[in-house]
Amino acid sequence: MPVILAWSGGKDSALALQALRADPRYEPIALLTTVTREFDRISMHGVRRTLLHEQARAVGLPLLEAEIAAATSNADYERAMAAAIDEISRRFPWARHLAFGDLFLADVRAYRERQLAETPLDPLFPLWGLETRRLALQFIEDGFEAVIACADTRQIHASFAGRRYDRSFLHDLPVSADPCGENGEFHTFVADGPGFRHRVGYTTGERVLRDGRFAYCDLLPASGVTSPP
């Protein structure tokens, strides 16, 4: 069954893609990412659109983008998602599933199910219910490379932004933090791993605090600007 994957560029998205590709029932055919228009970056994660495009090229899938404004309301977000689903229906009329990398937040899952209830797409959760510590270690052991793009300073220290997602990172996390960041403790960018045709080159740049809360590490393309896939 053909599947569109909601893609944040982070490790849960990469693990969801890996799980879908390993399951003979499903075939991932495209990625869908929400991008903040004014910043030209992946929403919440703060990763540059150029890196997103190179990442989509690396995993070998076409990319659809739902654009939202920086100060968007939930209603505006839902309109952007509805427009993206309309585009999916036009470009991929045979698609019947939209997959998400959610792990255990029941309210988030219920929201996604309601959002898709009146659309041609059924929600799919390939990682749902997996134990997060084990999943975090699997990500590292499988050879994925990821960096912390954003840290919520109300939950973890700002110094975590820009660090590699590895065993040392997991060791240093406070015990209150989920090792997969499922409660929004941090967001990641995946540069390489299983299913990637090539590594996405990047360097770490300026670290800034936004909204008095979110510590971002700017990730810069290592090989210049690339065109969209």
N, C-alpha and C. Protein backbone atom coordinates (compact mmCIF):
# COMPACT_ATOMS: atom_id res chain seq x y z
N MET A 1 0.84 -1.19 0.00
CA MET A 1 0.00 0.00 0.00
C MET A 1 0.88 1.25 0.00
N PRO A 2 0.63 2.19 -0.91
CA PRO A 2 1.44 3.42 -0.96
C PRO A 2 1.16 4.32 0.24
N VAL A 3 2.23 4.91 0.79
CA VAL A 3 2.13 5.71 2.02
C VAL A 3 2.87 7.03 1.82
N ILE A 4 2.24 8.13 2.24
CA ILE A 4 2.91 9.42 2.38
C ILE A 4 3.37 9.51 3.83
N LEU A 5 4.60 9.97 4.05
CA LEU A 5 5.14 10.06 5.41
C LEU A 5 5.26 11.52 5.84
N ALA A 6 4.62 11.86 6.97
CA ALA A 6 4.81 13.18 7.58
C ALA A 6 6.25 13.25 8.07
N TRP A 7 7.02 14.16 7.52
CA TRP A 7 8.47 14.17 7.68
C TRP A 7 8.93 15.46 8.34
N SER A 8 9.51 15.35 9.53
CA SER A 8 10.04 16.52 10.22
C SER A 8 11.53 16.69 9.98
N GLY A 9 12.16 15.67 9.40
CA GLY A 9 13.61 15.68 9.23
C GLY A 9 14.35 15.12 10.42
N GLY A 10 13.61 14.74 11.48
CA GLY A 10 14.22 14.24 12.69
C GLY A 10 14.26 12.73 12.78
N LYS A 11 14.75 12.24 13.91
CA LYS A 11 15.02 10.82 14.05
C LYS A 11 13.75 9.97 14.05
N ASP A 12 12.65 10.44 14.62
CA ASP A 12 11.43 9.63 14.60
C ASP A 12 10.90 9.46 13.18
N SER A 13 11.04 10.51 12.36
CA SER A 13 10.67 10.39 10.96
C SER A 13 11.55 9.37 10.24
N ALA A 14 12.85 9.42 10.51
CA ALA A 14 13.78 8.49 9.88
C ALA A 14 13.49 7.06 10.31
N LEU A 15 13.17 6.86 11.58
CA LEU A 15 12.84 5.52 12.06
C LEU A 15 11.52 5.04 11.47
N ALA A 16 10.55 5.96 11.32
CA ALA A 16 9.28 5.58 10.72
C ALA A 16 9.48 5.17 9.26
N LEU A 17 10.33 5.89 8.54
CA LEU A 17 10.62 5.53 7.15
C LEU A 17 11.30 4.17 7.09
N GLN A 18 12.24 3.93 7.99
CA GLN A 18 12.91 2.63 8.03
C GLN A 18 11.92 1.51 8.30
N ALA A 19 10.99 1.73 9.24
CA ALA A 19 10.00 0.71 9.57
C ALA A 19 9.06 0.45 8.40
N LEU A 20 8.65 1.50 7.71
CA LEU A 20 7.74 1.34 6.58
C LEU A 20 8.42 0.59 5.44
N ARG A 21 9.68 0.92 5.19
CA ARG A 21 10.40 0.25 4.10
C ARG A 21 10.68 -1.22 4.42
N ALA A 22 10.74 -1.55 5.71
CA ALA A 22 10.98 -2.94 6.11
C ALA A 22 9.71 -3.77 6.14
N ASP A 23 8.55 -3.13 6.05
CA ASP A 23 7.26 -3.82 6.13
C ASP A 23 6.74 -4.07 4.72
N PRO A 24 6.59 -5.32 4.32
CA PRO A 24 6.16 -5.62 2.95
C PRO A 24 4.75 -5.11 2.61
N ARG A 25 4.00 -4.71 3.61
CA ARG A 25 2.65 -4.20 3.34
C ARG A 25 2.66 -2.79 2.79
N TYR A 26 3.75 -2.03 2.99
CA TYR A 26 3.74 -0.61 2.69
C TYR A 26 4.86 -0.20 1.74
N GLU A 27 4.60 0.88 1.00
CA GLU A 27 5.62 1.48 0.14
C GLU A 27 5.58 2.99 0.32
N PRO A 28 6.55 3.57 1.03
CA PRO A 28 6.60 5.03 1.13
C PRO A 28 6.86 5.64 -0.25
N ILE A 29 6.04 6.62 -0.64
CA ILE A 29 6.17 7.19 -1.98
C ILE A 29 6.46 8.69 -1.96
N ALA A 30 6.31 9.36 -0.82
CA ALA A 30 6.58 10.80 -0.75
C ALA A 30 6.65 11.23 0.71
N LEU A 31 7.25 12.40 0.91
CA LEU A 31 7.36 13.02 2.23
C LEU A 31 6.51 14.29 2.26
N LEU A 32 5.98 14.62 3.44
CA LEU A 32 5.21 15.85 3.65
C LEU A 32 5.78 16.58 4.85
N THR A 33 6.24 17.81 4.64
CA THR A 33 6.86 18.59 5.70
C THR A 33 6.18 19.94 5.85
N THR A 34 5.98 20.38 7.09
CA THR A 34 5.46 21.71 7.36
C THR A 34 6.62 22.69 7.48
N VAL A 35 6.57 23.76 6.70
CA VAL A 35 7.66 24.74 6.64
C VAL A 35 7.11 26.12 7.02
N THR A 36 7.87 26.84 7.84
CA THR A 36 7.48 28.20 8.21
C THR A 36 7.96 29.17 7.14
N ARG A 37 7.02 29.86 6.52
CA ARG A 37 7.29 30.64 5.31
C ARG A 37 8.33 31.73 5.53
N GLU A 38 8.15 32.56 6.55
CA GLU A 38 9.04 33.70 6.75
C GLU A 38 10.48 33.29 7.08
N PHE A 39 10.63 32.18 7.77
CA PHE A 39 11.96 31.74 8.17
C PHE A 39 12.61 30.79 7.15
N ASP A 40 11.77 30.24 6.25
CA ASP A 40 12.28 29.29 5.26
C ASP A 40 12.93 28.10 5.96
N ARG A 41 12.25 27.62 7.01
CA ARG A 41 12.79 26.53 7.82
C ARG A 41 11.68 25.55 8.19
N ILE A 42 12.08 24.33 8.53
CA ILE A 42 11.14 23.33 9.02
C ILE A 42 10.51 23.84 10.31
N SER A 43 9.20 23.83 10.39
CA SER A 43 8.51 24.33 11.57
C SER A 43 8.92 23.56 12.81
N MET A 44 9.06 24.27 13.90
CA MET A 44 9.48 23.74 15.21
C MET A 44 10.95 23.36 15.24
N HIS A 45 11.43 22.61 14.26
CA HIS A 45 12.81 22.15 14.28
C HIS A 45 13.79 23.27 13.92
N GLY A 46 13.35 24.25 13.12
CA GLY A 46 14.22 25.36 12.77
C GLY A 46 15.32 25.02 11.78
N VAL A 47 15.19 23.92 11.06
CA VAL A 47 16.22 23.50 10.11
C VAL A 47 15.96 24.15 8.75
N ARG A 48 17.01 24.62 8.12
CA ARG A 48 16.89 25.33 6.85
C ARG A 48 16.26 24.45 5.77
N ARG A 49 15.48 25.10 4.92
CA ARG A 49 14.80 24.39 3.84
C ARG A 49 15.78 23.73 2.88
N THR A 50 16.94 24.36 2.68
CA THR A 50 17.94 23.76 1.79
C THR A 50 18.40 22.41 2.29
N LEU A 51 18.54 22.28 3.60
CA LEU A 51 18.93 20.99 4.18
C LEU A 51 17.79 19.98 4.07
N LEU A 52 16.56 20.44 4.23
CA LEU A 52 15.41 19.57 4.04
C LEU A 52 15.39 19.00 2.62
N HIS A 53 15.62 19.86 1.63
CA HIS A 53 15.62 19.41 0.25
C HIS A 53 16.72 18.38 -0.01
N GLU A 54 17.89 18.64 0.54
CA GLU A 54 18.99 17.69 0.36
C GLU A 54 18.69 16.37 1.07
N GLN A 55 18.03 16.45 2.20
CA GLN A 55 17.65 15.25 2.95
C GLN A 55 16.66 14.41 2.16
N ALA A 56 15.66 15.06 1.56
CA ALA A 56 14.69 14.33 0.73
C ALA A 56 15.38 13.66 -0.44
N ARG A 57 16.34 14.35 -1.03
CA ARG A 57 17.11 13.77 -2.12
C ARG A 57 17.89 12.54 -1.63
N ALA A 58 18.44 12.65 -0.43
CA ALA A 58 19.24 11.56 0.12
C ALA A 58 18.42 10.30 0.37
N VAL A 59 17.16 10.44 0.81
CA VAL A 59 16.33 9.26 1.06
C VAL A 59 15.58 8.83 -0.20
N GLY A 60 15.69 9.63 -1.26
CA GLY A 60 15.15 9.21 -2.55
C GLY A 60 13.65 9.31 -2.70
N LEU A 61 13.02 10.30 -2.05
CA LEU A 61 11.57 10.45 -2.14
C LEU A 61 11.21 11.89 -2.49
N PRO A 62 10.14 12.09 -3.29
CA PRO A 62 9.69 13.45 -3.57
C PRO A 62 9.15 14.11 -2.30
N LEU A 63 9.25 15.43 -2.26
CA LEU A 63 8.89 16.19 -1.08
C LEU A 63 7.73 17.14 -1.37
N LEU A 64 6.70 17.10 -0.51
CA LEU A 64 5.62 18.08 -0.54
C LEU A 64 5.76 18.95 0.70
N GLU A 65 5.47 20.25 0.55
CA GLU A 65 5.63 21.18 1.66
C GLU A 65 4.33 21.91 1.95
N ALA A 66 3.94 21.91 3.21
CA ALA A 66 2.79 22.69 3.68
C ALA A 66 3.35 23.94 4.34
N GLU A 67 3.10 25.10 3.75
CA GLU A 67 3.66 26.34 4.28
C GLU A 67 2.69 26.99 5.27
N ILE A 68 3.26 27.43 6.40
CA ILE A 68 2.48 28.17 7.39
C ILE A 68 3.22 29.45 7.74
N ALA A 69 2.49 30.42 8.31
CA ALA A 69 3.10 31.67 8.74
C ALA A 69 3.76 31.48 10.10
N ALA A 70 4.68 32.39 10.43
CA ALA A 70 5.41 32.27 11.69
C ALA A 70 4.48 32.36 12.89
N ALA A 71 3.50 33.24 12.84
CA ALA A 71 2.57 33.40 13.96
C ALA A 71 1.22 32.78 13.60
N THR A 72 1.25 31.56 13.12
CA THR A 72 0.03 30.93 12.63
C THR A 72 -0.86 30.45 13.77
N SER A 73 -2.15 30.40 13.50
CA SER A 73 -3.11 29.82 14.45
C SER A 73 -3.31 28.35 14.11
N ASN A 74 -3.96 27.63 15.00
CA ASN A 74 -4.23 26.23 14.71
C ASN A 74 -5.16 26.09 13.51
N ALA A 75 -6.08 27.03 13.36
CA ALA A 75 -6.99 27.00 12.20
C ALA A 75 -6.22 27.20 10.90
N ASP A 76 -5.22 28.11 10.93
CA ASP A 76 -4.39 28.34 9.74
C ASP A 76 -3.57 27.09 9.42
N TYR A 77 -3.05 26.46 10.47
CA TYR A 77 -2.28 25.22 10.27
C TYR A 77 -3.17 24.15 9.62
N GLU A 78 -4.38 24.02 10.10
CA GLU A 78 -5.27 23.00 9.56
C GLU A 78 -5.64 23.30 8.11
N ARG A 79 -5.76 24.58 7.76
CA ARG A 79 -6.03 24.93 6.37
C ARG A 79 -4.83 24.57 5.48
N ALA A 80 -3.63 24.81 5.99
CA ALA A 80 -2.42 24.47 5.23
C ALA A 80 -2.32 22.97 5.02
N MET A 81 -2.67 22.20 6.05
CA MET A 81 -2.63 20.75 5.94
C MET A 81 -3.70 20.25 4.97
N ALA A 82 -4.87 20.88 5.00
CA ALA A 82 -5.94 20.49 4.07
C ALA A 82 -5.50 20.74 2.63
N ALA A 83 -4.82 21.87 2.39
CA ALA A 83 -4.32 22.16 1.05
C ALA A 83 -3.26 21.14 0.64
N ALA A 84 -2.42 20.72 1.59
CA ALA A 84 -1.39 19.73 1.29
C ALA A 84 -2.02 18.38 0.96
N ILE A 85 -3.06 18.03 1.67
CA ILE A 85 -3.75 16.76 1.39
C ILE A 85 -4.42 16.81 0.03
N ASP A 86 -4.96 17.98 -0.35
CA ASP A 86 -5.52 18.13 -1.69
C ASP A 86 -4.45 17.92 -2.75
N GLU A 87 -3.24 18.46 -2.48
CA GLU A 87 -2.14 18.27 -3.42
C GLU A 87 -1.74 16.80 -3.51
N ILE A 88 -1.73 16.11 -2.37
CA ILE A 88 -1.45 14.67 -2.37
C ILE A 88 -2.45 13.94 -3.24
N SER A 89 -3.73 14.30 -3.10
CA SER A 89 -4.78 13.64 -3.88
C SER A 89 -4.60 13.87 -5.38
N ARG A 90 -4.09 15.05 -5.75
CA ARG A 90 -3.85 15.34 -7.16
C ARG A 90 -2.62 14.61 -7.70
N ARG A 91 -1.53 14.65 -6.92
CA ARG A 91 -0.28 14.09 -7.42
C ARG A 91 -0.17 12.59 -7.19
N PHE A 92 -0.78 12.12 -6.10
CA PHE A 92 -0.69 10.70 -5.75
C PHE A 92 -2.09 10.16 -5.44
N PRO A 93 -2.98 10.11 -6.41
CA PRO A 93 -4.37 9.71 -6.15
C PRO A 93 -4.49 8.27 -5.65
N TRP A 94 -3.44 7.47 -5.81
CA TRP A 94 -3.48 6.08 -5.35
C TRP A 94 -3.06 5.96 -3.88
N ALA A 95 -2.59 7.03 -3.27
CA ALA A 95 -2.16 6.97 -1.87
C ALA A 95 -3.37 6.90 -0.95
N ARG A 96 -3.29 6.05 0.06
CA ARG A 96 -4.40 5.88 0.99
C ARG A 96 -4.00 6.05 2.45
N HIS A 97 -2.71 6.29 2.72
CA HIS A 97 -2.26 6.43 4.10
C HIS A 97 -1.31 7.61 4.26
N LEU A 98 -1.42 8.29 5.40
CA LEU A 98 -0.45 9.30 5.82
C LEU A 98 0.14 8.81 7.14
N ALA A 99 1.44 8.55 7.15
CA ALA A 99 2.10 7.96 8.32
C ALA A 99 2.76 9.04 9.17
N PHE A 100 2.81 8.79 10.48
CA PHE A 100 3.41 9.71 11.44
C PHE A 100 4.38 8.93 12.33
N GLY A 101 5.40 9.65 12.84
CA GLY A 101 6.38 9.02 13.71
C GLY A 101 6.06 9.14 15.18
N ASP A 102 4.80 9.36 15.53
CA ASP A 102 4.41 9.49 16.95
C ASP A 102 4.64 8.19 17.69
N LEU A 103 4.96 8.33 19.00
CA LEU A 103 5.32 7.16 19.80
C LEU A 103 4.28 6.80 20.85
N PHE A 104 3.81 7.80 21.64
CA PHE A 104 2.90 7.41 22.73
C PHE A 104 1.91 8.49 23.17
N LEU A 105 1.96 9.69 22.62
CA LEU A 105 1.07 10.75 23.07
C LEU A 105 -0.33 10.54 22.47
N ALA A 106 -1.24 10.05 23.28
CA ALA A 106 -2.57 9.66 22.80
C ALA A 106 -3.35 10.85 22.27
N ASP A 107 -3.18 12.02 22.90
CA ASP A 107 -3.93 13.20 22.44
C ASP A 107 -3.47 13.65 21.06
N VAL A 108 -2.18 13.52 20.80
CA VAL A 108 -1.65 13.88 19.47
C VAL A 108 -2.17 12.90 18.42
N ARG A 109 -2.16 11.62 18.76
CA ARG A 109 -2.68 10.63 17.82
C ARG A 109 -4.17 10.88 17.53
N ALA A 110 -4.94 11.15 18.56
CA ALA A 110 -6.38 11.39 18.38
C ALA A 110 -6.61 12.62 17.50
N TYR A 111 -5.78 13.66 17.69
CA TYR A 111 -5.90 14.86 16.85
C TYR A 111 -5.64 14.53 15.39
N ARG A 112 -4.60 13.75 15.11
CA ARG A 112 -4.29 13.40 13.72
C ARG A 112 -5.42 12.55 13.12
N GLU A 113 -5.96 11.67 13.91
CA GLU A 113 -7.06 10.84 13.41
C GLU A 113 -8.28 11.69 13.07
N ARG A 114 -8.57 12.68 13.91
CA ARG A 114 -9.69 13.59 13.61
C ARG A 114 -9.40 14.42 12.37
N GLN A 115 -8.16 14.86 12.23
CA GLN A 115 -7.78 15.71 11.11
C GLN A 115 -7.94 14.99 9.77
N LEU A 116 -7.72 13.68 9.76
CA LEU A 116 -7.79 12.92 8.52
C LEU A 116 -9.14 12.23 8.31
N ALA A 117 -10.03 12.35 9.26
CA ALA A 117 -11.28 11.59 9.22
C ALA A 117 -12.10 11.85 7.96
N GLU A 118 -12.09 13.07 7.46
CA GLU A 118 -12.90 13.42 6.29
C GLU A 118 -12.07 13.51 5.01
N THR A 119 -10.90 12.89 5.02
CA THR A 119 -10.01 12.93 3.84
C THR A 119 -9.88 11.53 3.26
N PRO A 120 -9.25 11.40 2.08
CA PRO A 120 -9.04 10.07 1.50
C PRO A 120 -7.93 9.28 2.19
N LEU A 121 -7.23 9.92 3.13
CA LEU A 121 -6.06 9.29 3.76
C LEU A 121 -6.38 8.78 5.15
N ASP A 122 -5.94 7.56 5.43
CA ASP A 122 -6.04 6.99 6.77
C ASP A 122 -4.72 7.18 7.49
N PRO A 123 -4.74 7.50 8.80
CA PRO A 123 -3.49 7.67 9.55
C PRO A 123 -2.82 6.33 9.82
N LEU A 124 -1.49 6.37 9.89
CA LEU A 124 -0.70 5.17 10.14
C LEU A 124 0.40 5.55 11.12
N PHE A 125 0.65 4.69 12.12
CA PHE A 125 1.62 4.99 13.17
C PHE A 125 2.57 3.81 13.32
N PRO A 126 3.60 3.71 12.48
CA PRO A 126 4.46 2.52 12.48
C PRO A 126 5.32 2.34 13.72
N LEU A 127 5.50 3.39 14.53
CA LEU A 127 6.34 3.29 15.73
C LEU A 127 5.52 3.26 17.02
N TRP A 128 4.21 3.29 16.89
CA TRP A 128 3.36 3.50 18.06
C TRP A 128 3.57 2.41 19.11
N GLY A 129 3.76 2.86 20.37
CA GLY A 129 3.85 1.94 21.50
C GLY A 129 5.22 1.34 21.73
N LEU A 130 6.19 1.63 20.88
CA LEU A 130 7.54 1.09 21.09
C LEU A 130 8.20 1.79 22.27
N GLU A 131 8.97 1.07 23.04
CA GLU A 131 9.63 1.62 24.22
C GLU A 131 10.72 2.59 23.78
N THR A 132 10.68 3.82 24.30
CA THR A 132 11.49 4.88 23.72
C THR A 132 12.98 4.72 24.00
N ARG A 133 13.35 4.21 25.14
CA ARG A 133 14.78 3.99 25.41
C ARG A 133 15.35 2.98 24.42
N ARG A 134 14.63 1.91 24.22
CA ARG A 134 15.08 0.89 23.27
C ARG A 134 15.13 1.45 21.86
N LEU A 135 14.14 2.28 21.51
CA LEU A 135 14.10 2.86 20.17
C LEU A 135 15.28 3.82 19.97
N ALA A 136 15.60 4.60 21.00
CA ALA A 136 16.74 5.52 20.92
C ALA A 136 18.04 4.77 20.69
N LEU A 137 18.23 3.68 21.41
CA LEU A 137 19.44 2.88 21.25
C LEU A 137 19.48 2.21 19.89
N GLN A 138 18.32 1.78 19.40
CA GLN A 138 18.26 1.17 18.07
C GLN A 138 18.70 2.17 17.02
N PHE A 139 18.25 3.40 17.15
CA PHE A 139 18.60 4.46 16.21
C PHE A 139 20.12 4.61 16.13
N ILE A 140 20.76 4.62 17.29
CA ILE A 140 22.22 4.79 17.34
C ILE A 140 22.93 3.55 16.82
N GLU A 141 22.48 2.38 17.25
CA GLU A 141 23.13 1.13 16.85
C GLU A 141 22.97 0.86 15.36
N ASP A 142 21.88 1.33 14.76
CA ASP A 142 21.67 1.12 13.33
C ASP A 142 22.54 2.02 12.47
N GLY A 143 23.24 2.96 13.09
CA GLY A 143 24.17 3.80 12.36
C GLY A 143 23.63 5.11 11.86
N PHE A 144 22.50 5.56 12.39
CA PHE A 144 22.00 6.88 12.02
C PHE A 144 22.89 7.97 12.62
N GLU A 145 22.98 9.09 11.92
CA GLU A 145 23.69 10.26 12.42
C GLU A 145 22.70 11.40 12.56
N ALA A 146 22.60 11.97 13.75
CA ALA A 146 21.66 13.08 13.97
C ALA A 146 22.28 14.10 14.91
N VAL A 147 21.78 15.32 14.80
CA VAL A 147 22.24 16.42 15.64
C VAL A 147 21.02 17.08 16.26
N ILE A 148 21.18 17.61 17.47
CA ILE A 148 20.09 18.31 18.15
C ILE A 148 19.96 19.71 17.55
N ALA A 149 18.83 19.96 16.87
CA ALA A 149 18.61 21.26 16.22
C ALA A 149 17.94 22.25 17.16
N CYS A 150 17.16 21.75 18.12
CA CYS A 150 16.41 22.63 19.02
C CYS A 150 16.25 21.94 20.37
N ALA A 151 16.41 22.71 21.44
CA ALA A 151 16.21 22.21 22.80
C ALA A 151 15.23 23.11 23.53
N ASP A 152 14.27 22.53 24.20
CA ASP A 152 13.31 23.28 25.01
C ASP A 152 13.95 23.49 26.38
N THR A 153 14.35 24.72 26.67
CA THR A 153 15.11 24.99 27.90
C THR A 153 14.27 24.88 29.16
N ARG A 154 12.95 24.71 29.02
CA ARG A 154 12.13 24.44 30.20
C ARG A 154 12.23 22.96 30.60
N GLN A 155 12.83 22.16 29.72
CA GLN A 155 12.92 20.73 30.00
C GLN A 155 14.36 20.21 30.03
N ILE A 156 15.22 20.76 29.17
CA ILE A 156 16.63 20.37 29.18
C ILE A 156 17.48 21.63 29.00
N HIS A 157 18.78 21.53 29.25
CA HIS A 157 19.65 22.70 29.20
C HIS A 157 19.90 23.13 27.75
N ALA A 158 20.07 24.44 27.56
CA ALA A 158 20.31 24.99 26.23
C ALA A 158 21.55 24.41 25.58
N SER A 159 22.53 23.98 26.37
CA SER A 159 23.78 23.45 25.82
C SER A 159 23.59 22.17 25.03
N PHE A 160 22.44 21.52 25.14
CA PHE A 160 22.19 20.31 24.35
C PHE A 160 22.01 20.63 22.87
N ALA A 161 21.60 21.86 22.53
CA ALA A 161 21.43 22.23 21.13
C ALA A 161 22.78 22.19 20.43
N GLY A 162 22.84 21.51 19.31
CA GLY A 162 24.07 21.38 18.56
C GLY A 162 24.86 20.12 18.84
N ARG A 163 24.43 19.35 19.83
CA ARG A 163 25.14 18.11 20.16
C ARG A 163 24.71 16.97 19.25
N ARG A 164 25.59 16.00 19.08
CA ARG A 164 25.25 14.80 18.34
C ARG A 164 24.30 13.95 19.19
N TYR A 165 23.38 13.29 18.52
CA TYR A 165 22.46 12.37 19.20
C TYR A 165 23.16 11.03 19.29
N ASP A 166 23.78 10.74 20.43
CA ASP A 166 24.55 9.52 20.61
C ASP A 166 24.41 9.05 22.05
N ARG A 167 25.17 8.04 22.41
CA ARG A 167 25.06 7.48 23.77
C ARG A 167 25.46 8.51 24.83
N SER A 168 26.42 9.34 24.51
CA SER A 168 26.83 10.38 25.46
C SER A 168 25.69 11.36 25.71
N PHE A 169 24.99 11.73 24.66
CA PHE A 169 23.83 12.61 24.79
C PHE A 169 22.76 11.96 25.68
N LEU A 170 22.44 10.69 25.41
CA LEU A 170 21.43 9.99 26.21
C LEU A 170 21.85 9.91 27.67
N HIS A 171 23.14 9.68 27.91
CA HIS A 171 23.65 9.58 29.28
C HIS A 171 23.48 10.90 30.03
N ASP A 172 23.65 12.02 29.32
CA ASP A 172 23.62 13.34 29.96
C ASP A 172 22.22 13.91 30.11
N LEU A 173 21.24 13.33 29.42
CA LEU A 173 19.87 13.83 29.55
C LEU A 173 19.38 13.70 30.99
N PRO A 174 18.63 14.66 31.49
CA PRO A 174 18.02 14.49 32.82
C PRO A 174 17.03 13.33 32.80
N VAL A 175 16.84 12.69 33.94
CA VAL A 175 15.98 11.51 34.00
C VAL A 175 14.53 11.86 33.66
N SER A 176 14.17 13.13 33.78
CA SER A 176 12.81 13.55 33.47
C SER A 176 12.55 13.63 31.97
N ALA A 177 13.60 13.61 31.17
CA ALA A 177 13.46 13.79 29.72
C ALA A 177 13.28 12.45 29.03
N ASP A 178 12.38 12.41 28.07
CA ASP A 178 12.21 11.20 27.27
C ASP A 178 13.40 11.06 26.32
N PRO A 179 13.99 9.87 26.20
CA PRO A 179 15.19 9.70 25.35
C PRO A 179 14.92 9.94 23.88
N CYS A 180 13.66 9.90 23.45
CA CYS A 180 13.32 10.23 22.07
C CYS A 180 12.76 11.64 21.93
N GLY A 181 12.69 12.38 23.04
CA GLY A 181 12.17 13.74 22.98
C GLY A 181 10.71 13.81 22.62
N GLU A 182 9.94 12.79 22.96
CA GLU A 182 8.55 12.72 22.54
C GLU A 182 7.69 13.81 23.18
N ASN A 183 8.12 14.33 24.32
CA ASN A 183 7.38 15.41 24.98
C ASN A 183 7.85 16.80 24.53
N GLY A 184 8.61 16.85 23.45
CA GLY A 184 9.08 18.12 22.93
C GLY A 184 10.35 18.63 23.58
N GLU A 185 11.06 17.74 24.32
CA GLU A 185 12.30 18.17 24.98
C GLU A 185 13.35 18.66 23.99
N PHE A 186 13.39 18.04 22.82
CA PHE A 186 14.37 18.42 21.80
C PHE A 186 13.88 17.93 20.44
N HIS A 187 14.48 18.51 19.39
CA HIS A 187 14.20 18.10 18.03
C HIS A 187 15.53 17.87 17.31
N THR A 188 15.54 16.94 16.37
CA THR A 188 16.79 16.55 15.73
C THR A 188 16.74 16.73 14.22
N PHE A 189 17.92 16.69 13.62
CA PHE A 189 18.07 16.63 12.17
C PHE A 189 18.93 15.43 11.85
N VAL A 190 18.44 14.56 10.96
CA VAL A 190 19.17 13.34 10.60
C VAL A 190 19.97 13.60 9.33
N ALA A 191 21.26 13.36 9.40
CA ALA A 191 22.15 13.62 8.27
C ALA A 191 22.50 12.37 7.47
N ASP A 192 22.38 11.21 8.10
CA ASP A 192 22.78 9.98 7.41
C ASP A 192 22.21 8.79 8.16
N GLY A 193 22.25 7.65 7.50
CA GLY A 193 21.78 6.43 8.13
C GLY A 193 21.23 5.44 7.13
N PRO A 194 20.68 4.33 7.61
CA PRO A 194 20.08 3.33 6.72
C PRO A 194 19.02 3.96 5.82
N GLY A 195 19.07 3.63 4.54
CA GLY A 195 18.11 4.18 3.59
C GLY A 195 18.54 5.48 2.96
N PHE A 196 19.63 6.09 3.44
CA PHE A 196 20.15 7.32 2.84
C PHE A 196 21.10 6.95 1.70
N ARG A 197 20.95 7.60 0.57
CA ARG A 197 21.85 7.37 -0.56
C ARG A 197 23.19 8.05 -0.35
N HIS A 198 23.19 9.13 0.41
CA HIS A 198 24.43 9.84 0.72
C HIS A 198 24.21 10.63 2.00
N ARG A 199 25.30 11.04 2.61
CA ARG A 199 25.23 11.86 3.81
C ARG A 199 24.89 13.29 3.43
N VAL A 200 24.05 13.92 4.26
CA VAL A 200 23.72 15.34 4.09
C VAL A 200 24.76 16.15 4.86
N GLY A 201 25.62 16.85 4.13
CA GLY A 201 26.68 17.61 4.78
C GLY A 201 26.15 18.87 5.45
N TYR A 202 26.61 19.12 6.66
CA TYR A 202 26.21 20.33 7.38
C TYR A 202 27.31 20.73 8.35
N THR A 203 27.27 21.98 8.77
CA THR A 203 28.12 22.44 9.86
C THR A 203 27.24 23.15 10.87
N THR A 204 27.66 23.19 12.11
CA THR A 204 26.88 23.88 13.14
C THR A 204 27.28 25.35 13.18
N GLY A 205 26.26 26.21 13.26
CA GLY A 205 26.49 27.65 13.28
C GLY A 205 26.07 28.29 14.58
N GLU A 206 25.46 29.45 14.47
CA GLU A 206 25.08 30.24 15.64
C GLU A 206 24.04 29.53 16.48
N ARG A 207 24.13 29.72 17.79
CA ARG A 207 23.12 29.21 18.72
C ARG A 207 22.34 30.40 19.27
N VAL A 208 21.02 30.33 19.18
CA VAL A 208 20.17 31.45 19.60
C VAL A 208 19.02 30.93 20.45
N LEU A 209 18.50 31.82 21.29
CA LEU A 209 17.33 31.51 22.11
C LEU A 209 16.14 32.25 21.54
N ARG A 210 15.04 31.54 21.26
CA ARG A 210 13.83 32.14 20.70
C ARG A 210 12.67 31.99 21.69
N ASP A 211 11.82 33.01 21.73
CA ASP A 211 10.63 33.00 22.58
C ASP A 211 10.97 32.78 24.04
N GLY A 212 12.19 33.14 24.43
CA GLY A 212 12.62 32.98 25.81
C GLY A 212 12.65 31.54 26.28
N ARG A 213 12.66 30.61 25.32
CA ARG A 213 12.50 29.21 25.71
C ARG A 213 13.27 28.22 24.84
N PHE A 214 13.23 28.40 23.53
CA PHE A 214 13.76 27.39 22.63
C PHE A 214 15.17 27.76 22.16
N ALA A 215 16.13 26.89 22.47
CA ALA A 215 17.52 27.08 22.05
C ALA A 215 17.72 26.36 20.73
N TYR A 216 18.05 27.14 19.69
CA TYR A 216 18.27 26.58 18.36
C TYR A 216 19.75 26.62 18.02
N CYS A 217 20.21 25.58 17.37
CA CYS A 217 21.54 25.58 16.76
C CYS A 217 21.33 25.64 15.26
N ASP A 218 21.79 26.71 14.64
CA ASP A 218 21.62 26.86 13.20
C ASP A 218 22.52 25.84 12.49
N LEU A 219 21.93 25.07 11.60
CA LEU A 219 22.68 24.09 10.82
C LEU A 219 22.85 24.64 9.41
N LEU A 220 24.09 24.69 8.97
CA LEU A 220 24.42 25.29 7.68
C LEU A 220 24.79 24.22 6.68
N PRO A 221 24.26 24.30 5.45
CA PRO A 221 24.65 23.33 4.42
C PRO A 221 26.15 23.39 4.19
N ALA A 222 26.78 22.23 4.14
CA ALA A 222 28.23 22.18 4.00
C ALA A 222 28.69 22.39 2.57
N SER A 223 27.77 22.16 1.61
CA SER A 223 28.18 22.20 0.21
C SER A 223 27.41 23.24 -0.58
N GLY A 224 26.91 24.28 0.08
CA GLY A 224 26.21 25.34 -0.63
C GLY A 224 24.74 25.07 -0.81
N VAL A 225 24.06 25.97 -1.48
CA VAL A 225 22.62 25.87 -1.68
C VAL A 225 22.30 24.85 -2.75
N THR A 226 21.27 24.05 -2.50
CA THR A 226 20.83 23.05 -3.48
C THR A 226 19.42 23.35 -3.91
N SER A 227 19.03 22.85 -5.05
CA SER A 227 17.69 23.07 -5.57
C SER A 227 16.73 22.04 -5.02
N PRO A 228 15.43 22.33 -4.98
CA PRO A 228 14.45 21.39 -4.44
C PRO A 228 14.42 20.10 -5.26
N PRO A 229 14.08 18.95 -4.61
CA PRO A 229 13.94 17.70 -5.34
C PRO A 229 12.71 17.72 -6.21
